[in-house]
C-alpha atoms as a PDB file:
ATOM      1  CA  MET A   1      12.071   1.326 -26.538  1.00  0.00           C
ATOM      2  CA  ALA A   2      13.018  -2.035 -25.024  1.00  0.00           C
ATOM      3  CA  ARG A   3      10.650  -3.635 -22.550  1.00  0.00           C
ATOM      4  CA  LEU A   4      11.831  -4.187 -19.013  1.00  0.00           C
ATOM      5  CA  LYS A   5      12.290  -7.741 -17.847  1.00  0.00           C
ATOM      6  CA  PRO A   6      11.591  -8.699 -14.212  1.00  0.00           C
ATOM      7  CA  GLU A   7      15.302  -9.197 -13.598  1.00  0.00           C
ATOM      8  CA  ASP A   8      15.923  -5.590 -14.716  1.00  0.00           C
ATOM      9  CA  ILE A   9      13.774  -4.194 -11.927  1.00  0.00           C
ATOM     10  CA  VAL A  10      15.543  -3.686  -8.631  1.00  0.00           C
ATOM     11  CA  ILE A  11      13.663  -2.723  -5.507  1.00  0.00           C
ATOM     12  CA  GLU A  12      15.621  -2.035  -2.384  1.00  0.00           C
ATOM     13  CA  ASP A  13      15.074  -4.823   0.117  1.00  0.00           C
ATOM     14  CA  LEU A  14      13.872  -2.456   2.846  1.00  0.00           C
ATOM     15  CA  GLU A  15      11.368  -0.822   0.506  1.00  0.00           C
ATOM     16  CA  LEU A  16       9.985  -4.205  -0.525  1.00  0.00           C
ATOM     17  CA  LYS A  17       9.675  -5.254   3.109  1.00  0.00           C
ATOM     18  CA  ARG A  18       7.801  -2.018   3.860  1.00  0.00           C
ATOM     19  CA  ILE A  19       5.379  -2.555   0.981  1.00  0.00           C
ATOM     20  CA  ILE A  20       4.694  -6.154   2.020  1.00  0.00           C
ATOM     21  CA  SER A  21       4.278  -5.138   5.656  1.00  0.00           C
ATOM     22  CA  ASN A  22       1.821  -2.375   4.727  1.00  0.00           C
ATOM     23  CA  PHE A  23      -0.108  -4.778   2.516  1.00  0.00           C
ATOM     24  CA  SER A  24      -0.294  -7.389   5.286  1.00  0.00           C
ATOM     25  CA  ILE A  25      -1.481  -4.925   7.919  1.00  0.00           C
ATOM     26  CA  ASN A  26      -4.011  -3.256   5.632  1.00  0.00           C
ATOM     27  CA  MET A  27      -5.307  -6.566   4.321  1.00  0.00           C
ATOM     28  CA  GLU A  28      -6.063  -7.723   7.860  1.00  0.00           C
ATOM     29  CA  LEU A  29      -7.668  -4.379   8.789  1.00  0.00           C
ATOM     30  CA  VAL A  30      -9.945  -4.377   5.744  1.00  0.00           C
ATOM     31  CA  ARG A  31     -10.772  -8.071   6.175  1.00  0.00           C
ATOM     32  CA  LYS A  32     -11.876  -7.508   9.760  1.00  0.00           C
ATOM     33  CA  TYR A  33     -13.676  -4.268   8.841  1.00  0.00           C
ATOM     34  CA  ARG A  34     -15.683  -6.215   6.266  1.00  0.00           C
ATOM     35  CA  GLY A  35     -16.393  -8.964   8.804  1.00  0.00           C
ATOM     36  CA  TYR A  36     -14.606 -11.602   6.735  1.00  0.00           C
ATOM     37  CA  THR A  37     -12.622 -14.509   8.088  1.00  0.00           C
ATOM     38  CA  GLN A  38      -9.348 -15.570   6.525  1.00  0.00           C
ATOM     39  CA  LEU A  39     -11.249 -18.485   5.000  1.00  0.00           C
ATOM     40  CA  ASP A  40     -13.739 -16.067   3.417  1.00  0.00           C
ATOM     41  CA  VAL A  41     -10.887 -14.169   1.754  1.00  0.00           C
ATOM     42  CA  ALA A  42      -9.242 -17.407   0.651  1.00  0.00           C
ATOM     43  CA  LYS A  43     -12.443 -18.582  -1.027  1.00  0.00           C
ATOM     44  CA  LYS A  44     -13.225 -15.205  -2.617  1.00  0.00           C
ATOM     45  CA  SER A  45      -9.681 -14.849  -3.961  1.00  0.00           C
ATOM     46  CA  ASN A  46      -9.172 -18.490  -4.983  1.00  0.00           C
ATOM     47  CA  LEU A  47      -6.036 -18.584  -2.841  1.00  0.00           C
ATOM     48  CA  SER A  48      -5.230 -21.054  -0.109  1.00  0.00           C
ATOM     49  CA  LEU A  49      -6.011 -20.367   3.518  1.00  0.00           C
ATOM     50  CA  THR A  50      -2.311 -20.908   4.206  1.00  0.00           C
ATOM     51  CA  THR A  51      -1.403 -18.131   1.769  1.00  0.00           C
ATOM     52  CA  ILE A  52      -3.837 -15.707   3.388  1.00  0.00           C
ATOM     53  CA  ALA A  53      -2.607 -16.580   6.887  1.00  0.00           C
ATOM     54  CA  ASP A  54       1.048 -16.339   5.827  1.00  0.00           C
ATOM     55  CA  ILE A  55       0.486 -12.880   4.384  1.00  0.00           C
ATOM     56  CA  GLU A  56      -1.272 -11.615   7.505  1.00  0.00           C
ATOM     57  CA  GLN A  57       1.399 -13.139   9.761  1.00  0.00           C
ATOM     58  CA  ARG A  58       4.147 -11.607   7.589  1.00  0.00           C
ATOM     59  CA  ARG A  59       5.702 -14.997   6.838  1.00  0.00           C
ATOM     60  CA  ILE A  60       6.192 -14.165   3.175  1.00  0.00           C
ATOM     61  CA  LYS A  61       9.096 -12.535   1.373  1.00  0.00           C
ATOM     62  CA  ASP A  62       7.370 -11.410  -1.800  1.00  0.00           C
ATOM     63  CA  LEU A  63       3.930 -10.906  -3.269  1.00  0.00           C
ATOM     64  CA  ARG A  64       2.995 -11.645  -6.855  1.00  0.00           C
ATOM     65  CA  VAL A  65       0.835  -9.205  -8.765  1.00  0.00           C
ATOM     66  CA  GLY A  66      -1.807 -11.909  -9.233  1.00  0.00           C
ATOM     67  CA  THR A  67      -1.993 -12.480  -5.484  1.00  0.00           C
ATOM     68  CA  ILE A  68      -2.304  -8.762  -4.774  1.00  0.00           C
ATOM     69  CA  THR A  69      -5.009  -8.429  -7.416  1.00  0.00           C
ATOM     70  CA  ALA A  70      -6.979 -11.449  -6.187  1.00  0.00           C
ATOM     71  CA  ILE A  71      -6.953 -10.259  -2.573  1.00  0.00           C
ATOM     72  CA  SER A  72      -7.868  -6.703  -3.576  1.00  0.00           C
ATOM     73  CA  LYS A  73     -10.848  -7.970  -5.560  1.00  0.00           C
ATOM     74  CA  ALA A  74     -11.919 -10.267  -2.725  1.00  0.00           C
ATOM     75  CA  LEU A  75     -11.851  -7.331  -0.308  1.00  0.00           C
ATOM     76  CA  ASN A  76     -13.305  -4.901  -2.892  1.00  0.00           C
ATOM     77  CA  VAL A  77     -10.524  -2.320  -2.505  1.00  0.00           C
ATOM     78  CA  SER A  78      -7.808  -1.100  -4.825  1.00  0.00           C
ATOM     79  CA  PRO A  79      -4.382  -2.747  -4.728  1.00  0.00           C
ATOM     80  CA  LEU A  80      -2.841   0.676  -4.090  1.00  0.00           C
ATOM     81  CA  MET A  81      -5.036   1.189  -1.051  1.00  0.00           C
ATOM     82  CA  LEU A  82      -3.779  -2.079   0.444  1.00  0.00           C
ATOM     83  CA  GLN A  83      -0.179  -1.054  -0.170  1.00  0.00           C
ATOM     84  CA  SER A  84      -0.521   2.446   1.239  1.00  0.00           C
ATOM     85  CA  LYS A  85       1.301   3.514   4.357  1.00  0.00           C
ATOM     86  CA  LYS A  86      -1.899   4.280   6.224  1.00  0.00           C
ATOM     87  CA  ILE A  87      -5.325   3.109   5.164  1.00  0.00           C
ATOM     88  CA  ASP A  88      -8.436   5.166   5.823  1.00  0.00           C
ATOM     89  CA  LEU A  89     -11.239   2.696   6.572  1.00  0.00           C
ATOM     90  CA  LYS A  90     -13.782   5.534   6.229  1.00  0.00           C
ATOM     91  CA  LYS A  91     -13.063   5.635   2.494  1.00  0.00           C
ATOM     92  CA  ILE A  92     -14.020   1.988   2.061  1.00  0.00           C
ATOM     93  CA  LYS A  93     -17.529   1.344   0.807  1.00  0.00           C
END
């Protein structure tokens, strides 16, 4: 079986926008729930403060897997939880 290349994967633009929007909203909710500032998340994830702010302000067009993973680890939640349509803060430890 041949491996897929990134250019072989097509995600509808609206679906991608929805995923990024969900991630942005959930990231901010979890960050605030944890009592973290954007700078805290930037330091914990080894990403720039600008990147964190751009994600929360929805000024980005795509998210790399490494960025999603780093933010998820910094917030101590699963990447899937951050991408879900509705996050349940009660399930966060």
